[in-house]
Amino acid sequence: MNNIINPKWTTLYKKIQIFSEEYTIIVPNISQLLIQDIRMIHSLLIDLHKVLSIVAKLNEKAIFDSLLEHPCNTIILDRYINNNSFDKELLTDPKNIQNETARHFQRVVES
């Protein structure tokens, strides 16, 4: 059996080690790999892929905003005029403001 390790595998392995250290996944040393080690690494890589996929999905908006250099704009509503009430009351309770704002945008989307 040939004990020479393909240079592409070595490069890939180094990248895998960086990710595995960041997510505390132990990957065995490539100089003494056996078939059971390769199977274990395969399983660990699947787990690592799942973790990275979840992290990427969670940070997808932040990644795109960063790449497109979008500023972070936030609007804080501390008052809301309820146009549905007869006297057009002014809402100041955060929970009521949140509910009425959500209802407003749901109606906008429906129409």
C-alpha atoms as a PDB file:
ATOM      1  CA  MET A   1       0.000   0.000   0.000  1.00  0.00           C
ATOM      2  CA  ASN A   2       1.284   3.451  -0.935  1.00  0.00           C
ATOM      3  CA  ASN A   3       1.999   5.629   2.151  1.00  0.00           C
ATOM      4  CA  ILE A   4       2.346   8.850   0.158  1.00  0.00           C
ATOM      5  CA  ILE A   5      -0.458  11.298   0.942  1.00  0.00           C
ATOM      6  CA  ASN A   6      -1.846  13.362  -1.903  1.00  0.00           C
ATOM      7  CA  PRO A   7      -0.884  17.068  -1.483  1.00  0.00           C
ATOM      8  CA  LYS A   8      -4.482  18.105  -2.233  1.00  0.00           C
ATOM      9  CA  TRP A   9      -5.661  16.005   0.683  1.00  0.00           C
ATOM     10  CA  THR A  10      -3.063  17.629   2.953  1.00  0.00           C
ATOM     11  CA  THR A  11      -4.260  21.116   1.974  1.00  0.00           C
ATOM     12  CA  LEU A  12      -7.875  20.140   2.471  1.00  0.00           C
ATOM     13  CA  TYR A  13      -7.049  18.497   5.794  1.00  0.00           C
ATOM     14  CA  LYS A  14      -5.415  21.710   7.072  1.00  0.00           C
ATOM     15  CA  LYS A  15      -8.567  23.661   6.228  1.00  0.00           C
ATOM     16  CA  ILE A  16     -10.683  21.033   7.967  1.00  0.00           C
ATOM     17  CA  GLN A  17      -8.479  21.300  11.057  1.00  0.00           C
ATOM     18  CA  ILE A  18      -9.049  25.058  11.250  1.00  0.00           C
ATOM     19  CA  PHE A  19     -12.835  24.608  11.185  1.00  0.00           C
ATOM     20  CA  SER A  20     -12.741  21.638  13.541  1.00  0.00           C
ATOM     21  CA  GLU A  21     -10.730  23.588  16.118  1.00  0.00           C
ATOM     22  CA  GLU A  22     -13.158  26.506  15.927  1.00  0.00           C
ATOM     23  CA  TYR A  23     -16.109  24.182  16.595  1.00  0.00           C
ATOM     24  CA  THR A  24     -14.229  21.858  18.984  1.00  0.00           C
ATOM     25  CA  ILE A  25     -14.384  18.758  16.805  1.00  0.00           C
ATOM     26  CA  ILE A  26     -11.413  16.397  17.138  1.00  0.00           C
ATOM     27  CA  VAL A  27      -9.927  15.189  13.840  1.00  0.00           C
ATOM     28  CA  PRO A  28      -7.183  12.516  13.950  1.00  0.00           C
ATOM     29  CA  ASN A  29      -3.691  13.033  12.568  1.00  0.00           C
ATOM     30  CA  ILE A  30      -3.487  12.170   8.850  1.00  0.00           C
ATOM     31  CA  SER A  31      -0.089  10.473   9.048  1.00  0.00           C
ATOM     32  CA  GLN A  32      -1.589   7.362  10.686  1.00  0.00           C
ATOM     33  CA  LEU A  33      -4.978   7.037   9.022  1.00  0.00           C
ATOM     34  CA  LEU A  34      -6.721   3.696   8.868  1.00  0.00           C
ATOM     35  CA  ILE A  35     -10.037   2.887   7.173  1.00  0.00           C
ATOM     36  CA  GLN A  36     -11.912   3.277  10.488  1.00  0.00           C
ATOM     37  CA  ASP A  37     -10.308   6.734  10.900  1.00  0.00           C
ATOM     38  CA  ILE A  38     -11.475   7.708   7.437  1.00  0.00           C
ATOM     39  CA  ARG A  39     -15.017   6.587   8.303  1.00  0.00           C
ATOM     40  CA  MET A  40     -14.884   8.570  11.543  1.00  0.00           C
ATOM     41  CA  ILE A  41     -13.577  11.651   9.714  1.00  0.00           C
ATOM     42  CA  HIS A  42     -16.372  11.286   7.174  1.00  0.00           C
ATOM     43  CA  SER A  43     -18.918  11.268   9.999  1.00  0.00           C
ATOM     44  CA  LEU A  44     -17.251  14.283  11.654  1.00  0.00           C
ATOM     45  CA  LEU A  45     -17.234  16.167   8.349  1.00  0.00           C
ATOM     46  CA  ILE A  46     -20.954  15.568   7.968  1.00  0.00           C
ATOM     47  CA  ASP A  47     -21.486  16.971  11.482  1.00  0.00           C
ATOM     48  CA  LEU A  48     -19.229  19.928  10.717  1.00  0.00           C
ATOM     49  CA  HIS A  49     -21.131  20.599   7.492  1.00  0.00           C
ATOM     50  CA  LYS A  50     -24.416  20.639   9.428  1.00  0.00           C
ATOM     51  CA  VAL A  51     -23.023  23.107  11.972  1.00  0.00           C
ATOM     52  CA  LEU A  52     -21.603  25.386   9.290  1.00  0.00           C
ATOM     53  CA  SER A  53     -24.859  25.268   7.336  1.00  0.00           C
ATOM     54  CA  ILE A  54     -26.823  26.333  10.395  1.00  0.00           C
ATOM     55  CA  VAL A  55     -24.357  29.126  11.189  1.00  0.00           C
ATOM     56  CA  ALA A  56     -24.479  30.334   7.586  1.00  0.00           C
ATOM     57  CA  LYS A  57     -28.286  30.398   7.582  1.00  0.00           C
ATOM     58  CA  LEU A  58     -28.378  32.290  10.869  1.00  0.00           C
ATOM     59  CA  ASN A  59     -25.918  34.871   9.604  1.00  0.00           C
ATOM     60  CA  GLU A  60     -27.138  35.036   5.992  1.00  0.00           C
ATOM     61  CA  LYS A  61     -28.655  38.532   6.261  1.00  0.00           C
ATOM     62  CA  ALA A  62     -25.616  39.869   8.119  1.00  0.00           C
ATOM     63  CA  ILE A  63     -23.304  38.377   5.486  1.00  0.00           C
ATOM     64  CA  PHE A  64     -25.218  39.954   2.600  1.00  0.00           C
ATOM     65  CA  ASP A  65     -25.487  43.308   4.386  1.00  0.00           C
ATOM     66  CA  SER A  66     -21.755  43.258   5.008  1.00  0.00           C
ATOM     67  CA  LEU A  67     -20.901  42.283   1.428  1.00  0.00           C
ATOM     68  CA  LEU A  68     -23.214  44.946   0.015  1.00  0.00           C
ATOM     69  CA  GLU A  69     -22.070  47.462   2.637  1.00  0.00           C
ATOM     70  CA  HIS A  70     -25.648  48.135   3.769  1.00  0.00           C
ATOM     71  CA  PRO A  71     -25.954  50.330   6.832  1.00  0.00           C
ATOM     72  CA  CYS A  72     -27.971  49.001   9.733  1.00  0.00           C
ATOM     73  CA  ASN A  73     -31.136  51.107   9.947  1.00  0.00           C
ATOM     74  CA  THR A  74     -33.628  50.570  12.738  1.00  0.00           C
ATOM     75  CA  ILE A  75     -36.910  52.337  13.377  1.00  0.00           C
ATOM     76  CA  ILE A  76     -38.198  52.382  16.934  1.00  0.00           C
ATOM     77  CA  LEU A  77     -41.904  53.080  17.264  1.00  0.00           C
ATOM     78  CA  ASP A  78     -42.775  54.520  20.650  1.00  0.00           C
ATOM     79  CA  ARG A  79     -46.191  55.902  19.607  1.00  0.00           C
ATOM     80  CA  TYR A  80     -48.910  54.749  17.244  1.00  0.00           C
ATOM     81  CA  ILE A  81     -52.132  56.440  16.180  1.00  0.00           C
ATOM     82  CA  ASN A  82     -54.851  53.833  16.013  1.00  0.00           C
ATOM     83  CA  ASN A  83     -56.831  54.815  12.914  1.00  0.00           C
ATOM     84  CA  ASN A  84     -59.286  51.965  13.514  1.00  0.00           C
ATOM     85  CA  SER A  85     -60.670  53.480  16.700  1.00  0.00           C
ATOM     86  CA  PHE A  86     -63.382  56.140  16.495  1.00  0.00           C
ATOM     87  CA  ASP A  87     -61.388  58.749  18.439  1.00  0.00           C
ATOM     88  CA  LYS A  88     -58.036  57.875  16.789  1.00  0.00           C
ATOM     89  CA  GLU A  89     -56.390  57.080  20.091  1.00  0.00           C
ATOM     90  CA  LEU A  90     -52.653  57.419  20.641  1.00  0.00           C
ATOM     91  CA  LEU A  91     -51.095  54.133  21.727  1.00  0.00           C
ATOM     92  CA  THR A  92     -47.986  54.265  23.916  1.00  0.00           C
ATOM     93  CA  ASP A  93     -47.902  50.763  25.390  1.00  0.00           C
ATOM     94  CA  PRO A  94     -45.116  48.827  23.573  1.00  0.00           C
ATOM     95  CA  LYS A  95     -47.192  45.627  23.345  1.00  0.00           C
ATOM     96  CA  ASN A  96     -50.184  47.472  21.822  1.00  0.00           C
ATOM     97  CA  ILE A  97     -47.880  49.297  19.396  1.00  0.00           C
ATOM     98  CA  GLN A  98     -46.325  45.989  18.338  1.00  0.00           C
ATOM     99  CA  ASN A  99     -49.734  44.362  17.816  1.00  0.00           C
ATOM    100  CA  GLU A 100     -51.189  47.264  15.830  1.00  0.00           C
ATOM    101  CA  THR A 101     -48.047  47.615  13.701  1.00  0.00           C
ATOM    102  CA  ALA A 102     -48.103  43.897  12.871  1.00  0.00           C
ATOM    103  CA  ARG A 103     -51.837  44.104  12.046  1.00  0.00           C
ATOM    104  CA  HIS A 104     -51.201  47.123   9.803  1.00  0.00           C
ATOM    105  CA  PHE A 105     -48.492  45.395   7.780  1.00  0.00           C
ATOM    106  CA  GLN A 106     -50.538  42.199   7.506  1.00  0.00           C
ATOM    107  CA  ARG A 107     -53.381  44.223   5.991  1.00  0.00           C
ATOM    108  CA  VAL A 108     -50.981  45.995   3.608  1.00  0.00           C
ATOM    109  CA  VAL A 109     -49.607  42.676   2.381  1.00  0.00           C
ATOM    110  CA  GLU A 110     -53.101  41.201   1.939  1.00  0.00           C
ATOM    111  CA  SER A 111     -54.326  44.064  -0.230  1.00  0.00           C
END
